[in-house]
Amino acid sequence: MTKLKIKTGDTVKVIAGDHKGLEGKVLKVEIAKNKAIVEGVNMVKKHTKPSAQSPQGGIVEKEAFINISNLSLLTSKGETTRVGYKMEGDKKVRFSKKSNEVI
């Protein structure tokens, strides 16, 4: 199993692809597929049949998965950074390689 450096709740920026430059919060991470869903990025239109939840049916706009390699974590100042790991006492923490701050 691969270890991903982006987790649910992180603020990320899209660094490649059609949605380059957009920023958002990670809503879900699919570790096996190496993909994540980012809030407001990669919106797709899904055609839904009428059901008990939506009796009307119709076209729903929702976020689709985007590859982790196209995402970069943002620091508290809003700049992109790579992620490193270090031990603080007996706890392993993620830190920003650009600003050296703990995430």
C-alpha atoms as a PDB file:
ATOM      1  CA  MET A   1       0.000   0.000   0.000  1.00  0.00           C
ATOM      2  CA  THR A   2       1.334   3.432  -0.926  1.00  0.00           C
ATOM      3  CA  LYS A   3       1.671   6.288   1.522  1.00  0.00           C
ATOM      4  CA  LEU A   4       0.104   9.540   0.339  1.00  0.00           C
ATOM      5  CA  LYS A   5       1.283  12.899   1.638  1.00  0.00           C
ATOM      6  CA  ILE A   6      -2.093  14.593   1.147  1.00  0.00           C
ATOM      7  CA  LYS A   7      -4.859  13.940   3.649  1.00  0.00           C
ATOM      8  CA  THR A   8      -8.552  14.786   3.924  1.00  0.00           C
ATOM      9  CA  GLY A   9      -9.001  18.378   5.121  1.00  0.00           C
ATOM     10  CA  ASP A  10      -5.740  19.689   3.609  1.00  0.00           C
ATOM     11  CA  THR A  11      -5.810  22.832   1.468  1.00  0.00           C
ATOM     12  CA  VAL A  12      -4.281  22.109  -1.922  1.00  0.00           C
ATOM     13  CA  LYS A  13      -3.577  23.826  -5.238  1.00  0.00           C
ATOM     14  CA  VAL A  14      -3.904  22.174  -8.651  1.00  0.00           C
ATOM     15  CA  ILE A  15      -0.494  22.412 -10.345  1.00  0.00           C
ATOM     16  CA  ALA A  16      -1.247  20.604 -13.619  1.00  0.00           C
ATOM     17  CA  GLY A  17      -4.123  19.827 -15.971  1.00  0.00           C
ATOM     18  CA  ASP A  18      -7.305  21.619 -17.040  1.00  0.00           C
ATOM     19  CA  HIS A  19      -7.936  23.113 -13.590  1.00  0.00           C
ATOM     20  CA  LYS A  20      -4.400  24.432 -13.008  1.00  0.00           C
ATOM     21  CA  GLY A  21      -4.268  27.271 -10.471  1.00  0.00           C
ATOM     22  CA  LEU A  22      -7.482  26.413  -8.613  1.00  0.00           C
ATOM     23  CA  GLU A  23      -7.348  25.909  -4.859  1.00  0.00           C
ATOM     24  CA  GLY A  24      -9.627  23.985  -2.538  1.00  0.00           C
ATOM     25  CA  LYS A  25     -10.017  21.688   0.431  1.00  0.00           C
ATOM     26  CA  VAL A  26      -9.576  17.921   0.038  1.00  0.00           C
ATOM     27  CA  LEU A  27     -12.934  16.245   0.690  1.00  0.00           C
ATOM     28  CA  LYS A  28     -11.954  12.615   0.096  1.00  0.00           C
ATOM     29  CA  VAL A  29      -8.796  10.650  -0.705  1.00  0.00           C
ATOM     30  CA  GLU A  30      -8.875   7.293  -2.541  1.00  0.00           C
ATOM     31  CA  ILE A  31      -5.553   5.671  -1.605  1.00  0.00           C
ATOM     32  CA  ALA A  32      -5.872   2.625  -3.903  1.00  0.00           C
ATOM     33  CA  LYS A  33      -6.580   4.792  -6.974  1.00  0.00           C
ATOM     34  CA  ASN A  34      -4.057   7.538  -5.992  1.00  0.00           C
ATOM     35  CA  LYS A  35      -6.772  10.180  -6.438  1.00  0.00           C
ATOM     36  CA  ALA A  36      -8.552  12.841  -4.383  1.00  0.00           C
ATOM     37  CA  ILE A  37     -11.724  14.915  -4.557  1.00  0.00           C
ATOM     38  CA  VAL A  38     -11.081  18.647  -4.104  1.00  0.00           C
ATOM     39  CA  GLU A  39     -13.879  21.091  -3.247  1.00  0.00           C
ATOM     40  CA  GLY A  40     -14.956  23.109  -6.303  1.00  0.00           C
ATOM     41  CA  VAL A  41     -12.369  21.540  -8.659  1.00  0.00           C
ATOM     42  CA  ASN A  42     -13.015  19.187 -11.616  1.00  0.00           C
ATOM     43  CA  MET A  43     -16.783  19.692 -11.613  1.00  0.00           C
ATOM     44  CA  VAL A  44     -18.735  17.219 -13.769  1.00  0.00           C
ATOM     45  CA  LYS A  45     -22.407  17.032 -14.685  1.00  0.00           C
ATOM     46  CA  LYS A  46     -24.052  13.767 -13.623  1.00  0.00           C
ATOM     47  CA  HIS A  47     -27.420  12.796 -15.045  1.00  0.00           C
ATOM     48  CA  THR A  48     -29.592  11.282 -12.313  1.00  0.00           C
ATOM     49  CA  LYS A  49     -32.776   9.243 -12.615  1.00  0.00           C
ATOM     50  CA  PRO A  50     -35.733  10.179 -10.407  1.00  0.00           C
ATOM     51  CA  SER A  51     -35.473   8.380  -7.043  1.00  0.00           C
ATOM     52  CA  ALA A  52     -36.780   8.648  -3.491  1.00  0.00           C
ATOM     53  CA  GLN A  53     -34.002  11.132  -2.575  1.00  0.00           C
ATOM     54  CA  SER A  54     -34.484  13.273  -5.697  1.00  0.00           C
ATOM     55  CA  PRO A  55     -37.991  12.731  -7.104  1.00  0.00           C
ATOM     56  CA  GLN A  56     -37.305  15.236  -9.889  1.00  0.00           C
ATOM     57  CA  GLY A  57     -34.059  13.673 -11.181  1.00  0.00           C
ATOM     58  CA  GLY A  58     -32.129  15.841 -13.643  1.00  0.00           C
ATOM     59  CA  ILE A  59     -28.549  17.014 -13.972  1.00  0.00           C
ATOM     60  CA  VAL A  60     -26.434  17.340 -10.820  1.00  0.00           C
ATOM     61  CA  GLU A  61     -23.039  19.055 -10.772  1.00  0.00           C
ATOM     62  CA  LYS A  62     -20.482  17.383  -8.485  1.00  0.00           C
ATOM     63  CA  GLU A  63     -16.729  17.095  -7.983  1.00  0.00           C
ATOM     64  CA  ALA A  64     -14.843  14.262  -9.695  1.00  0.00           C
ATOM     65  CA  PHE A  65     -11.564  12.649  -8.678  1.00  0.00           C
ATOM     66  CA  ILE A  66      -8.266  14.294  -9.624  1.00  0.00           C
ATOM     67  CA  ASN A  67      -4.862  12.584  -9.523  1.00  0.00           C
ATOM     68  CA  ILE A  68      -2.712  13.266  -6.434  1.00  0.00           C
ATOM     69  CA  SER A  69       0.300  14.033  -8.676  1.00  0.00           C
ATOM     70  CA  ASN A  70      -1.561  17.116  -9.965  1.00  0.00           C
ATOM     71  CA  LEU A  71      -2.014  18.529  -6.447  1.00  0.00           C
ATOM     72  CA  SER A  72       0.377  20.446  -4.211  1.00  0.00           C
ATOM     73  CA  LEU A  73      -0.127  21.208  -0.531  1.00  0.00           C
ATOM     74  CA  LEU A  74      -0.435  24.855   0.534  1.00  0.00           C
ATOM     75  CA  THR A  75       1.268  26.394   3.567  1.00  0.00           C
ATOM     76  CA  SER A  76      -0.530  28.722   5.984  1.00  0.00           C
ATOM     77  CA  LYS A  77       0.773  31.662   3.894  1.00  0.00           C
ATOM     78  CA  GLY A  78      -0.796  30.163   0.739  1.00  0.00           C
ATOM     79  CA  GLU A  79       2.346  29.027  -1.099  1.00  0.00           C
ATOM     80  CA  THR A  80       2.817  25.543  -2.565  1.00  0.00           C
ATOM     81  CA  THR A  81       5.201  23.202  -0.801  1.00  0.00           C
ATOM     82  CA  ARG A  82       6.424  19.631  -0.686  1.00  0.00           C
ATOM     83  CA  VAL A  83       5.760  17.492   2.372  1.00  0.00           C
ATOM     84  CA  GLY A  84       8.361  15.916   4.627  1.00  0.00           C
ATOM     85  CA  TYR A  85       8.178  13.840   7.795  1.00  0.00           C
ATOM     86  CA  LYS A  86      10.133  14.242  10.995  1.00  0.00           C
ATOM     87  CA  MET A  87       9.980  13.041  14.566  1.00  0.00           C
ATOM     88  CA  GLU A  88       8.962  15.518  17.256  1.00  0.00           C
ATOM     89  CA  GLY A  89       9.589  13.756  20.515  1.00  0.00           C
ATOM     90  CA  ASP A  90       7.963  10.366  19.990  1.00  0.00           C
ATOM     91  CA  LYS A  91       5.426  11.634  17.431  1.00  0.00           C
ATOM     92  CA  LYS A  92       5.842  11.574  13.635  1.00  0.00           C
ATOM     93  CA  VAL A  93       4.635  14.847  12.083  1.00  0.00           C
ATOM     94  CA  ARG A  94       4.297  16.237   8.558  1.00  0.00           C
ATOM     95  CA  PHE A  95       6.140  19.472   7.810  1.00  0.00           C
ATOM     96  CA  SER A  96       6.416  21.926   4.944  1.00  0.00           C
ATOM     97  CA  LYS A  97       9.788  21.647   3.204  1.00  0.00           C
ATOM     98  CA  LYS A  98       9.574  25.284   2.067  1.00  0.00           C
ATOM     99  CA  SER A  99       8.825  27.002   5.389  1.00  0.00           C
ATOM    100  CA  ASN A 100       9.778  24.158   7.761  1.00  0.00           C
ATOM    101  CA  GLU A 101       6.480  24.575   9.672  1.00  0.00           C
ATOM    102  CA  VAL A 102       4.541  21.606  11.043  1.00  0.00           C
ATOM    103  CA  ILE A 103       1.313  20.946   9.136  1.00  0.00           C
END
